[in-house]
Amino acid sequence: MKRKYRLLKNYQFEKLIVNGKHVNNREFFLYYSYRNDSGTIRIGISVPKRLVNKAFIRNKIKRQIKNMLVDVKKDWSIDIVLIVKKNYLNNDYNTNKTSLDNLLNKISTKKM
């Protein structure tokens, strides 16, 4: 995922969590806001330290999620913060991908 498609700063995460809308399921908690000035989708991924203590495992989870998001429409003008829940660790990759796709479909239908 290119740098222009990512939310990186703490204040960006906080602003979206406080002001944005949210949907969730057993694996993810997703905050989103339809107004962004870049004209493209921007995504921030957070894996809490209390979920997994080892940094290399948290980074592995982030890489997996980035791989799940490869086919997301880049022309959406939306900001997303994706927070991983504990149940993510209990499922396999395909189940987590399906769960994430369902969440993205929810927010795309809410936009219409």
PDB file of N, CA and C in Angstrom:
ATOM      1  N   MET A   1       0.848  -1.166   0.000  1.00  0.00           N
ATOM      2  CA  MET A   1       0.000   0.000   0.000  1.00  0.00           C
ATOM      3  C   MET A   1       0.897   1.233   0.000  1.00  0.00           C
ATOM      4  N   LYS A   2       0.665   2.110  -0.940  1.00  0.00           N
ATOM      5  CA  LYS A   2       1.481   3.308  -1.051  1.00  0.00           C
ATOM      6  C   LYS A   2       1.228   4.259   0.114  1.00  0.00           C
ATOM      7  N   ARG A   3       2.210   5.087   0.369  1.00  0.00           N
ATOM      8  CA  ARG A   3       2.169   5.995   1.506  1.00  0.00           C
ATOM      9  C   ARG A   3       0.994   6.972   1.423  1.00  0.00           C
ATOM     10  N   LYS A   4       0.619   7.378   0.222  1.00  0.00           N
ATOM     11  CA  LYS A   4      -0.483   8.341   0.089  1.00  0.00           C
ATOM     12  C   LYS A   4      -1.833   7.720   0.420  1.00  0.00           C
ATOM     13  N   TYR A   5      -1.908   6.395   0.511  1.00  0.00           N
ATOM     14  CA  TYR A   5      -3.144   5.705   0.857  1.00  0.00           C
ATOM     15  C   TYR A   5      -3.197   5.301   2.329  1.00  0.00           C
ATOM     16  N   ARG A   6      -2.289   5.835   3.155  1.00  0.00           N
ATOM     17  CA  ARG A   6      -2.239   5.438   4.559  1.00  0.00           C
ATOM     18  C   ARG A   6      -2.421   6.619   5.493  1.00  0.00           C
ATOM     19  N   LEU A   7      -3.041   6.375   6.615  1.00  0.00           N
ATOM     20  CA  LEU A   7      -3.060   7.316   7.721  1.00  0.00           C
ATOM     21  C   LEU A   7      -1.926   6.911   8.646  1.00  0.00           C
ATOM     22  N   LEU A   8      -1.054   7.845   8.969  1.00  0.00           N
ATOM     23  CA  LEU A   8       0.144   7.500   9.723  1.00  0.00           C
ATOM     24  C   LEU A   8       0.242   8.208  11.077  1.00  0.00           C
ATOM     25  N   LYS A   9      -0.317   9.373  11.189  1.00  0.00           N
ATOM     26  CA  LYS A   9      -0.124  10.192  12.383  1.00  0.00           C
ATOM     27  C   LYS A   9      -1.200   9.917  13.432  1.00  0.00           C
ATOM     28  N   ASN A  10      -0.818  10.061  14.682  1.00  0.00           N
ATOM     29  CA  ASN A  10      -1.724   9.813  15.791  1.00  0.00           C
ATOM     30  C   ASN A  10      -2.925  10.760  15.766  1.00  0.00           C
ATOM     31  N   TYR A  11      -2.699  12.030  15.423  1.00  0.00           N
ATOM     32  CA  TYR A  11      -3.809  12.979  15.395  1.00  0.00           C
ATOM     33  C   TYR A  11      -4.821  12.633  14.311  1.00  0.00           C
ATOM     34  N   GLN A  12      -4.395  11.998  13.212  1.00  0.00           N
ATOM     35  CA  GLN A  12      -5.335  11.558  12.184  1.00  0.00           C
ATOM     36  C   GLN A  12      -6.229  10.436  12.707  1.00  0.00           C
ATOM     37  N   PHE A  13      -5.625   9.493  13.438  1.00  0.00           N
ATOM     38  CA  PHE A  13      -6.393   8.409  14.040  1.00  0.00           C
ATOM     39  C   PHE A  13      -7.400   8.960  15.043  1.00  0.00           C
ATOM     40  N   GLU A  14      -6.940   9.819  15.935  1.00  0.00           N
ATOM     41  CA  GLU A  14      -7.803  10.362  16.980  1.00  0.00           C
ATOM     42  C   GLU A  14      -8.961  11.165  16.408  1.00  0.00           C
ATOM     43  N   LYS A  15      -8.681  11.981  15.401  1.00  0.00           N
ATOM     44  CA  LYS A  15      -9.724  12.793  14.781  1.00  0.00           C
ATOM     45  C   LYS A  15     -10.805  11.917  14.171  1.00  0.00           C
ATOM     46  N   LEU A  16     -10.401  10.859  13.511  1.00  0.00           N
ATOM     47  CA  LEU A  16     -11.356   9.963  12.873  1.00  0.00           C
ATOM     48  C   LEU A  16     -12.150   9.172  13.906  1.00  0.00           C
ATOM     49  N   ILE A  17     -11.508   8.735  14.975  1.00  0.00           N
ATOM     50  CA  ILE A  17     -12.198   7.967  16.008  1.00  0.00           C
ATOM     51  C   ILE A  17     -13.218   8.843  16.736  1.00  0.00           C
ATOM     52  N   VAL A  18     -12.870  10.089  16.997  1.00  0.00           N
ATOM     53  CA  VAL A  18     -13.776  10.978  17.718  1.00  0.00           C
ATOM     54  C   VAL A  18     -14.917  11.455  16.815  1.00  0.00           C
ATOM     55  N   ASN A  19     -14.613  11.837  15.580  1.00  0.00           N
ATOM     56  CA  ASN A  19     -15.613  12.458  14.715  1.00  0.00           C
ATOM     57  C   ASN A  19     -16.271  11.506  13.715  1.00  0.00           C
ATOM     58  N   GLY A  20     -15.701  10.345  13.507  1.00  0.00           N
ATOM     59  CA  GLY A  20     -16.206   9.457  12.462  1.00  0.00           C
ATOM     60  C   GLY A  20     -17.309   8.520  12.926  1.00  0.00           C
ATOM     61  N   LYS A  21     -17.854   7.806  11.975  1.00  0.00           N
ATOM     62  CA  LYS A  21     -18.852   6.781  12.245  1.00  0.00           C
ATOM     63  C   LYS A  21     -18.126   5.452  12.415  1.00  0.00           C
ATOM     64  N   HIS A  22     -18.843   4.426  12.873  1.00  0.00           N
ATOM     65  CA  HIS A  22     -18.173   3.150  13.071  1.00  0.00           C
ATOM     66  C   HIS A  22     -19.103   1.969  12.794  1.00  0.00           C
ATOM     67  N   VAL A  23     -18.497   0.885  12.388  1.00  0.00           N
ATOM     68  CA  VAL A  23     -19.145  -0.419  12.274  1.00  0.00           C
ATOM     69  C   VAL A  23     -18.161  -1.439  12.840  1.00  0.00           C
ATOM     70  N   ASN A  24     -18.699  -2.576  13.268  1.00  0.00           N
ATOM     71  CA  ASN A  24     -17.805  -3.585  13.808  1.00  0.00           C
ATOM     72  C   ASN A  24     -18.379  -4.984  13.607  1.00  0.00           C
ATOM     73  N   ASN A  25     -17.520  -5.943  13.779  1.00  0.00           N
ATOM     74  CA  ASN A  25     -17.914  -7.343  13.807  1.00  0.00           C
ATOM     75  C   ASN A  25     -16.991  -8.040  14.797  1.00  0.00           C
ATOM     76  N   ARG A  26     -16.900  -9.349  14.739  1.00  0.00           N
ATOM     77  CA  ARG A  26     -16.123 -10.076  15.740  1.00  0.00           C
ATOM     78  C   ARG A  26     -14.616  -9.902  15.585  1.00  0.00           C
ATOM     79  N   GLU A  27     -14.142  -9.578  14.385  1.00  0.00           N
ATOM     80  CA  GLU A  27     -12.700  -9.498  14.131  1.00  0.00           C
ATOM     81  C   GLU A  27     -12.155  -8.078  14.063  1.00  0.00           C
ATOM     82  N   PHE A  28     -12.998  -7.122  13.652  1.00  0.00           N
ATOM     83  CA  PHE A  28     -12.512  -5.765  13.404  1.00  0.00           C
ATOM     84  C   PHE A  28     -13.470  -4.735  13.975  1.00  0.00           C
ATOM     85  N   PHE A  29     -12.907  -3.581  14.261  1.00  0.00           N
ATOM     86  CA  PHE A  29     -13.677  -2.391  14.590  1.00  0.00           C
ATOM     87  C   PHE A  29     -13.241  -1.341  13.585  1.00  0.00           C
ATOM     88  N   LEU A  30     -14.169  -0.793  12.808  1.00  0.00           N
ATOM     89  CA  LEU A  30     -13.818   0.082  11.695  1.00  0.00           C
ATOM     90  C   LEU A  30     -14.458   1.454  11.888  1.00  0.00           C
ATOM     91  N   TYR A  31     -13.633   2.485  11.965  1.00  0.00           N
ATOM     92  CA  TYR A  31     -14.094   3.874  11.992  1.00  0.00           C
ATOM     93  C   TYR A  31     -13.917   4.445  10.599  1.00  0.00           C
ATOM     94  N   TYR A  32     -14.865   5.279  10.165  1.00  0.00           N
ATOM     95  CA  TYR A  32     -14.756   5.838   8.822  1.00  0.00           C
ATOM     96  C   TYR A  32     -15.372   7.228   8.753  1.00  0.00           C
ATOM     97  N   SER A  33     -14.915   7.983   7.783  1.00  0.00           N
ATOM     98  CA  SER A  33     -15.439   9.305   7.506  1.00  0.00           C
ATOM     99  C   SER A  33     -15.369   9.535   6.004  1.00  0.00           C
ATOM    100  N   TYR A  34     -16.449  10.010   5.412  1.00  0.00           N
ATOM    101  CA  TYR A  34     -16.508  10.169   3.959  1.00  0.00           C
ATOM    102  C   TYR A  34     -15.837  11.427   3.453  1.00  0.00           C
ATOM    103  N   ARG A  35     -15.538  12.357   4.314  1.00  0.00           N
ATOM    104  CA  ARG A  35     -14.930  13.605   3.862  1.00  0.00           C
ATOM    105  C   ARG A  35     -13.427  13.538   4.010  1.00  0.00           C
ATOM    106  N   ASN A  36     -12.734  13.532   2.901  1.00  0.00           N
ATOM    107  CA  ASN A  36     -11.289  13.745   2.971  1.00  0.00           C
ATOM    108  C   ASN A  36     -10.876  14.575   1.775  1.00  0.00           C
ATOM    109  N   ASP A  37      -9.833  15.337   1.948  1.00  0.00           N
ATOM    110  CA  ASP A  37      -9.429  16.302   0.929  1.00  0.00           C
ATOM    111  C   ASP A  37      -8.516  15.710  -0.133  1.00  0.00           C
ATOM    112  N   SER A  38      -8.066  14.480   0.048  1.00  0.00           N
ATOM    113  CA  SER A  38      -7.124  13.909  -0.918  1.00  0.00           C
ATOM    114  C   SER A  38      -7.823  13.321  -2.143  1.00  0.00           C
ATOM    115  N   GLY A  39      -9.112  12.995  -2.028  1.00  0.00           N
ATOM    116  CA  GLY A  39      -9.828  12.410  -3.155  1.00  0.00           C
ATOM    117  C   GLY A  39      -9.577  10.927  -3.336  1.00  0.00           C
ATOM    118  N   THR A  40      -8.808  10.327  -2.451  1.00  0.00           N
ATOM    119  CA  THR A  40      -8.541   8.889  -2.506  1.00  0.00           C
ATOM    120  C   THR A  40      -8.824   8.275  -1.142  1.00  0.00           C
ATOM    121  N   ILE A  41      -8.831   6.978  -1.097  1.00  0.00           N
ATOM    122  CA  ILE A  41      -9.027   6.278   0.167  1.00  0.00           C
ATOM    123  C   ILE A  41      -7.735   6.329   0.980  1.00  0.00           C
ATOM    124  N   ARG A  42      -7.867   6.544   2.283  1.00  0.00           N
ATOM    125  CA  ARG A  42      -6.716   6.499   3.190  1.00  0.00           C
ATOM    126  C   ARG A  42      -7.073   5.560   4.336  1.00  0.00           C
ATOM    127  N   ILE A  43      -6.165   4.646   4.643  1.00  0.00           N
ATOM    128  CA  ILE A  43      -6.446   3.605   5.629  1.00  0.00           C
ATOM    129  C   ILE A  43      -5.366   3.600   6.699  1.00  0.00           C
ATOM    130  N   GLY A  44      -5.791   3.506   7.939  1.00  0.00           N
ATOM    131  CA  GLY A  44      -4.889   3.332   9.073  1.00  0.00           C
ATOM    132  C   GLY A  44      -5.221   2.023   9.769  1.00  0.00           C
ATOM    133  N   ILE A  45      -4.203   1.265  10.128  1.00  0.00           N
ATOM    134  CA  ILE A  45      -4.399  -0.037  10.755  1.00  0.00           C
ATOM    135  C   ILE A  45      -3.775  -0.003  12.142  1.00  0.00           C
ATOM    136  N   SER A  46      -4.522  -0.485  13.125  1.00  0.00           N
ATOM    137  CA  SER A  46      -4.029  -0.519  14.489  1.00  0.00           C
ATOM    138  C   SER A  46      -4.216  -1.910  15.070  1.00  0.00           C
ATOM    139  N   VAL A  47      -3.131  -2.442  15.616  1.00  0.00           N
ATOM    140  CA  VAL A  47      -3.184  -3.713  16.338  1.00  0.00           C
ATOM    141  C   VAL A  47      -2.757  -3.400  17.770  1.00  0.00           C
ATOM    142  N   PRO A  48      -3.680  -3.470  18.715  1.00  0.00           N
ATOM    143  CA  PRO A  48      -3.346  -3.092  20.097  1.00  0.00           C
ATOM    144  C   PRO A  48      -2.265  -3.968  20.710  1.00  0.00           C
ATOM    145  N   LYS A  49      -1.463  -3.356  21.541  1.00  0.00           N
ATOM    146  CA  LYS A  49      -0.381  -4.072  22.201  1.00  0.00           C
ATOM    147  C   LYS A  49      -0.914  -5.107  23.189  1.00  0.00           C
ATOM    148  N   ARG A  50      -2.073  -4.847  23.769  1.00  0.00           N
ATOM    149  CA  ARG A  50      -2.650  -5.810  24.697  1.00  0.00           C
ATOM    150  C   ARG A  50      -3.168  -7.055  23.983  1.00  0.00           C
ATOM    151  N   LEU A  51      -3.389  -6.940  22.672  1.00  0.00           N
ATOM    152  CA  LEU A  51      -3.826  -8.088  21.883  1.00  0.00           C
ATOM    153  C   LEU A  51      -2.672  -9.053  21.651  1.00  0.00           C
ATOM    154  N   VAL A  52      -1.542  -8.517  21.203  1.00  0.00           N
ATOM    155  CA  VAL A  52      -0.334  -9.315  20.960  1.00  0.00           C
ATOM    156  C   VAL A  52       0.840  -8.520  21.501  1.00  0.00           C
ATOM    157  N   ASN A  53       1.624  -9.135  22.349  1.00  0.00           N
ATOM    158  CA  ASN A  53       2.713  -8.420  22.995  1.00  0.00           C
ATOM    159  C   ASN A  53       3.936  -8.246  22.100  1.00  0.00           C
ATOM    160  N   LYS A  54       4.162  -9.151  21.181  1.00  0.00           N
ATOM    161  CA  LYS A  54       5.369  -9.125  20.342  1.00  0.00           C
ATOM    162  C   LYS A  54       5.156  -8.225  19.120  1.00  0.00           C
ATOM    163  N   ALA A  55       6.098  -7.326  18.894  1.00  0.00           N
ATOM    164  CA  ALA A  55       5.987  -6.364  17.794  1.00  0.00           C
ATOM    165  C   ALA A  55       6.002  -7.050  16.432  1.00  0.00           C
ATOM    166  N   PHE A  56       6.801  -8.100  16.268  1.00  0.00           N
ATOM    167  CA  PHE A  56       6.877  -8.742  14.958  1.00  0.00           C
ATOM    168  C   PHE A  56       5.567  -9.437  14.599  1.00  0.00           C
ATOM    169  N   ILE A  57       4.800  -9.882  15.595  1.00  0.00           N
ATOM    170  CA  ILE A  57       3.495 -10.488  15.311  1.00  0.00           C
ATOM    171  C   ILE A  57       2.486  -9.402  14.944  1.00  0.00           C
ATOM    172  N   ARG A  58       2.541  -8.259  15.650  1.00  0.00           N
ATOM    173  CA  ARG A  58       1.653  -7.141  15.294  1.00  0.00           C
ATOM    174  C   ARG A  58       1.929  -6.675  13.869  1.00  0.00           C
ATOM    175  N   ASN A  59       3.207  -6.599  13.488  1.00  0.00           N
ATOM    176  CA  ASN A  59       3.558  -6.189  12.133  1.00  0.00           C
ATOM    177  C   ASN A  59       3.104  -7.224  11.106  1.00  0.00           C
ATOM    178  N   LYS A  60       3.168  -8.492  11.449  1.00  0.00           N
ATOM    179  CA  LYS A  60       2.688  -9.552  10.562  1.00  0.00           C
ATOM    180  C   LYS A  60       1.185  -9.393  10.322  1.00  0.00           C
ATOM    181  N   ILE A  61       0.435  -9.103  11.373  1.00  0.00           N
ATOM    182  CA  ILE A  61      -1.012  -8.903  11.240  1.00  0.00           C
ATOM    183  C   ILE A  61      -1.288  -7.701  10.344  1.00  0.00           C
ATOM    184  N   LYS A  62      -0.528  -6.630  10.513  1.00  0.00           N
ATOM    185  CA  LYS A  62      -0.710  -5.445   9.660  1.00  0.00           C
ATOM    186  C   LYS A  62      -0.425  -5.770   8.196  1.00  0.00           C
ATOM    187  N   ARG A  63       0.615  -6.542   7.941  1.00  0.00           N
ATOM    188  CA  ARG A  63       0.926  -6.940   6.561  1.00  0.00           C
ATOM    189  C   ARG A  63      -0.194  -7.787   5.973  1.00  0.00           C
ATOM    190  N   GLN A  64      -0.767  -8.685   6.769  1.00  0.00           N
ATOM    191  CA  GLN A  64      -1.876  -9.499   6.289  1.00  0.00           C
ATOM    192  C   GLN A  64      -3.073  -8.630   5.926  1.00  0.00           C
ATOM    193  N   ILE A  65      -3.372  -7.656   6.760  1.00  0.00           N
ATOM    194  CA  ILE A  65      -4.516  -6.785   6.500  1.00  0.00           C
ATOM    195  C   ILE A  65      -4.269  -5.924   5.267  1.00  0.00           C
ATOM    196  N   LYS A  66      -3.053  -5.429   5.101  1.00  0.00           N
ATOM    197  CA  LYS A  66      -2.734  -4.668   3.886  1.00  0.00           C
ATOM    198  C   LYS A  66      -2.919  -5.528   2.647  1.00  0.00           C
ATOM    199  N   ASN A  67      -2.558  -6.790   2.754  1.00  0.00           N
ATOM    200  CA  ASN A  67      -2.751  -7.710   1.638  1.00  0.00           C
ATOM    201  C   ASN A  67      -4.237  -7.945   1.360  1.00  0.00           C
ATOM    202  N   MET A  68      -5.057  -7.949   2.400  1.00  0.00           N
ATOM    203  CA  MET A  68      -6.506  -8.102   2.222  1.00  0.00           C
ATOM    204  C   MET A  68      -7.111  -6.890   1.539  1.00  0.00           C
ATOM    205  N   LEU A  69      -6.479  -5.736   1.717  1.00  0.00           N
ATOM    206  CA  LEU A  69      -7.042  -4.484   1.206  1.00  0.00           C
ATOM    207  C   LEU A  69      -6.515  -4.100  -0.177  1.00  0.00           C
ATOM    208  N   VAL A  70      -5.823  -4.981  -0.856  1.00  0.00           N
ATOM    209  CA  VAL A  70      -5.236  -4.659  -2.162  1.00  0.00           C
ATOM    210  C   VAL A  70      -6.307  -4.309  -3.188  1.00  0.00           C
ATOM    211  N   ASP A  71      -7.428  -5.004  -3.157  1.00  0.00           N
ATOM    212  CA  ASP A  71      -8.451  -4.805  -4.185  1.00  0.00           C
ATOM    213  C   ASP A  71      -9.516  -3.771  -3.802  1.00  0.00           C
ATOM    214  N   VAL A  72      -9.258  -2.958  -2.772  1.00  0.00           N
ATOM    215  CA  VAL A  72     -10.203  -1.913  -2.376  1.00  0.00           C
ATOM    216  C   VAL A  72     -10.168  -0.797  -3.406  1.00  0.00           C
ATOM    217  N   LYS A  73     -11.323  -0.238  -3.678  1.00  0.00           N
ATOM    218  CA  LYS A  73     -11.408   0.842  -4.662  1.00  0.00           C
ATOM    219  C   LYS A  73     -10.616   2.051  -4.188  1.00  0.00           C
ATOM    220  N   LYS A  74      -9.658   2.475  -4.985  1.00  0.00           N
ATOM    221  CA  LYS A  74      -8.794   3.601  -4.613  1.00  0.00           C
ATOM    222  C   LYS A  74      -9.456   4.953  -4.874  1.00  0.00           C
ATOM    223  N   ASP A  75     -10.556   4.975  -5.620  1.00  0.00           N
ATOM    224  CA  ASP A  75     -11.193   6.247  -5.947  1.00  0.00           C
ATOM    225  C   ASP A  75     -12.233   6.679  -4.909  1.00  0.00           C
ATOM    226  N   TRP A  76     -12.452   5.898  -3.865  1.00  0.00           N
ATOM    227  CA  TRP A  76     -13.326   6.324  -2.779  1.00  0.00           C
ATOM    228  C   TRP A  76     -12.680   7.515  -2.088  1.00  0.00           C
ATOM    229  N   SER A  77     -13.456   8.480  -1.721  1.00  0.00           N
ATOM    230  CA  SER A  77     -12.946   9.601  -0.945  1.00  0.00           C
ATOM    231  C   SER A  77     -13.345   9.376   0.508  1.00  0.00           C
ATOM    232  N   ILE A  78     -12.610   8.492   1.170  1.00  0.00           N
ATOM    233  CA  ILE A  78     -12.976   8.058   2.510  1.00  0.00           C
ATOM    234  C   ILE A  78     -11.714   7.798   3.328  1.00  0.00           C
ATOM    235  N   ASP A  79     -11.810   8.075   4.624  1.00  0.00           N
ATOM    236  CA  ASP A  79     -10.746   7.731   5.563  1.00  0.00           C
ATOM    237  C   ASP A  79     -11.246   6.580   6.430  1.00  0.00           C
ATOM    238  N   ILE A  80     -10.370   5.605   6.676  1.00  0.00           N
ATOM    239  CA  ILE A  80     -10.735   4.431   7.455  1.00  0.00           C
ATOM    240  C   ILE A  80      -9.646   4.157   8.489  1.00  0.00           C
ATOM    241  N   VAL A  81     -10.069   3.870   9.722  1.00  0.00           N
ATOM    242  CA  VAL A  81      -9.167   3.350  10.751  1.00  0.00           C
ATOM    243  C   VAL A  81      -9.697   1.974  11.119  1.00  0.00           C
ATOM    244  N   LEU A  82      -8.836   0.996  11.002  1.00  0.00           N
ATOM    245  CA  LEU A  82      -9.202  -0.396  11.229  1.00  0.00           C
ATOM    246  C   LEU A  82      -8.469  -0.889  12.474  1.00  0.00           C
ATOM    247  N   ILE A  83      -9.236  -1.300  13.485  1.00  0.00           N
ATOM    248  CA  ILE A  83      -8.652  -1.800  14.725  1.00  0.00           C
ATOM    249  C   ILE A  83      -8.965  -3.285  14.829  1.00  0.00           C
ATOM    250  N   VAL A  84      -7.949  -4.067  15.106  1.00  0.00           N
ATOM    251  CA  VAL A  84      -8.080  -5.521  15.161  1.00  0.00           C
ATOM    252  C   VAL A  84      -8.551  -5.945  16.549  1.00  0.00           C
ATOM    253  N   LYS A  85      -9.469  -6.913  16.570  1.00  0.00           N
ATOM    254  CA  LYS A  85      -9.965  -7.466  17.827  1.00  0.00           C
ATOM    255  C   LYS A  85      -9.333  -8.826  18.105  1.00  0.00           C
ATOM    256  N   LYS A  86      -9.550  -9.329  19.301  1.00  0.00           N
ATOM    257  CA  LYS A  86      -8.948 -10.578  19.771  1.00  0.00           C
ATOM    258  C   LYS A  86      -9.337 -11.779  18.911  1.00  0.00           C
ATOM    259  N   ASN A  87     -10.559 -11.814  18.408  1.00  0.00           N
ATOM    260  CA  ASN A  87     -11.043 -12.963  17.640  1.00  0.00           C
ATOM    261  C   ASN A  87     -10.301 -13.132  16.311  1.00  0.00           C
ATOM    262  N   TYR A  88      -9.609 -12.102  15.861  1.00  0.00           N
ATOM    263  CA  TYR A  88      -8.821 -12.186  14.634  1.00  0.00           C
ATOM    264  C   TYR A  88      -7.792 -13.306  14.720  1.00  0.00           C
ATOM    265  N   LEU A  89      -7.210 -13.478  15.876  1.00  0.00           N
ATOM    266  CA  LEU A  89      -6.161 -14.481  16.063  1.00  0.00           C
ATOM    267  C   LEU A  89      -6.692 -15.909  16.014  1.00  0.00           C
ATOM    268  N   ASN A  90      -7.983 -16.094  16.289  1.00  0.00           N
ATOM    269  CA  ASN A  90      -8.570 -17.434  16.322  1.00  0.00           C
ATOM    270  C   ASN A  90      -8.980 -17.945  14.944  1.00  0.00           C
ATOM    271  N   ASN A  91      -9.058 -17.058  13.960  1.00  0.00           N
ATOM    272  CA  ASN A  91      -9.545 -17.425  12.626  1.00  0.00           C
ATOM    273  C   ASN A  91      -8.400 -17.547  11.633  1.00  0.00           C
ATOM    274  N   ASP A  92      -8.695 -18.191  10.513  1.00  0.00           N
ATOM    275  CA  ASP A  92      -7.706 -18.273   9.445  1.00  0.00           C
ATOM    276  C   ASP A  92      -7.814 -17.042   8.542  1.00  0.00           C
ATOM    277  N   TYR A  93      -6.899 -16.939   7.602  1.00  0.00           N
ATOM    278  CA  TYR A  93      -6.796 -15.769   6.728  1.00  0.00           C
ATOM    279  C   TYR A  93      -8.080 -15.551   5.926  1.00  0.00           C
ATOM    280  N   ASN A  94      -8.619 -16.598   5.329  1.00  0.00           N
ATOM    281  CA  ASN A  94      -9.802 -16.455   4.473  1.00  0.00           C
ATOM    282  C   ASN A  94     -11.026 -15.998   5.257  1.00  0.00           C
ATOM    283  N   THR A  95     -11.188 -16.485   6.469  1.00  0.00           N
ATOM    284  CA  THR A  95     -12.308 -16.047   7.304  1.00  0.00           C
ATOM    285  C   THR A  95     -12.170 -14.574   7.653  1.00  0.00           C
ATOM    286  N   ASN A  96     -10.963 -14.156   7.996  1.00  0.00           N
ATOM    287  CA  ASN A  96     -10.730 -12.745   8.316  1.00  0.00           C
ATOM    288  C   ASN A  96     -10.933 -11.860   7.092  1.00  0.00           C
ATOM    289  N   LYS A  97     -10.524 -12.314   5.930  1.00  0.00           N
ATOM    290  CA  LYS A  97     -10.708 -11.541   4.701  1.00  0.00           C
ATOM    291  C   LYS A  97     -12.193 -11.369   4.393  1.00  0.00           C
ATOM    292  N   THR A  98     -12.961 -12.446   4.527  1.00  0.00           N
ATOM    293  CA  THR A  98     -14.403 -12.376   4.303  1.00  0.00           C
ATOM    294  C   THR A  98     -15.053 -11.404   5.277  1.00  0.00           C
ATOM    295  N   SER A  99     -14.625 -11.448   6.525  1.00  0.00           N
ATOM    296  CA  SER A  99     -15.159 -10.550   7.539  1.00  0.00           C
ATOM    297  C   SER A  99     -14.859  -9.089   7.207  1.00  0.00           C
ATOM    298  N   LEU A 100     -13.643  -8.817   6.762  1.00  0.00           N
ATOM    299  CA  LEU A 100     -13.264  -7.456   6.381  1.00  0.00           C
ATOM    300  C   LEU A 100     -14.041  -6.998   5.146  1.00  0.00           C
ATOM    301  N   ASP A 101     -14.207  -7.871   4.179  1.00  0.00           N
ATOM    302  CA  ASP A 101     -14.987  -7.529   2.988  1.00  0.00           C
ATOM    303  C   ASP A 101     -16.433  -7.190   3.348  1.00  0.00           C
ATOM    304  N   ASN A 102     -17.002  -7.918   4.298  1.00  0.00           N
ATOM    305  CA  ASN A 102     -18.369  -7.630   4.735  1.00  0.00           C
ATOM    306  C   ASN A 102     -18.470  -6.247   5.372  1.00  0.00           C
ATOM    307  N   LEU A 103     -17.480  -5.881   6.167  1.00  0.00           N
ATOM    308  CA  LEU A 103     -17.484  -4.541   6.764  1.00  0.00           C
ATOM    309  C   LEU A 103     -17.368  -3.451   5.701  1.00  0.00           C
ATOM    310  N   LEU A 104     -16.485  -3.664   4.740  1.00  0.00           N
ATOM    311  CA  LEU A 104     -16.329  -2.667   3.674  1.00  0.00           C
ATOM    312  C   LEU A 104     -17.592  -2.554   2.833  1.00  0.00           C
ATOM    313  N   ASN A 105     -18.295  -3.654   2.628  1.00  0.00           N
ATOM    314  CA  ASN A 105     -19.565  -3.602   1.912  1.00  0.00           C
ATOM    315  C   ASN A 105     -20.614  -2.836   2.709  1.00  0.00           C
ATOM    316  N   LYS A 106     -20.590  -2.968   4.025  1.00  0.00           N
ATOM    317  CA  LYS A 106     -21.526  -2.216   4.869  1.00  0.00           C
ATOM    318  C   LYS A 106     -21.337  -0.719   4.698  1.00  0.00           C
ATOM    319  N   ILE A 107     -20.085  -0.269   4.743  1.00  0.00           N
ATOM    320  CA  ILE A 107     -19.871   1.180   4.652  1.00  0.00           C
ATOM    321  C   ILE A 107     -20.086   1.681   3.230  1.00  0.00           C
ATOM    322  N   SER A 108     -19.898   0.845   2.233  1.00  0.00           N
ATOM    323  CA  SER A 108     -20.144   1.299   0.867  1.00  0.00           C
ATOM    324  C   SER A 108     -21.643   1.421   0.611  1.00  0.00           C
ATOM    325  N   THR A 109     -22.459   0.565   1.230  1.00  0.00           N
ATOM    326  CA  THR A 109     -23.905   0.677   1.062  1.00  0.00           C
ATOM    327  C   THR A 109     -24.477   1.806   1.897  1.00  0.00           C
ATOM    328  N   LYS A 110     -23.848   2.139   3.035  1.00  0.00           N
ATOM    329  CA  LYS A 110     -24.296   3.267   3.839  1.00  0.00           C
ATOM    330  C   LYS A 110     -24.050   4.584   3.138  1.00  0.00           C
ATOM    331  N   LYS A 111     -23.026   4.616   2.290  1.00  0.00           N
ATOM    332  CA  LYS A 111     -22.696   5.838   1.563  1.00  0.00           C
ATOM    333  C   LYS A 111     -23.763   6.170   0.528  1.00  0.00           C
ATOM    334  N   MET A 112     -24.337   5.144  -0.063  1.00  0.00           N
ATOM    335  CA  MET A 112     -25.318   5.348  -1.140  1.00  0.00           C
ATOM    336  C   MET A 112     -26.600   5.935  -0.635  1.00  0.00           C
TER     337      MET A 112
END
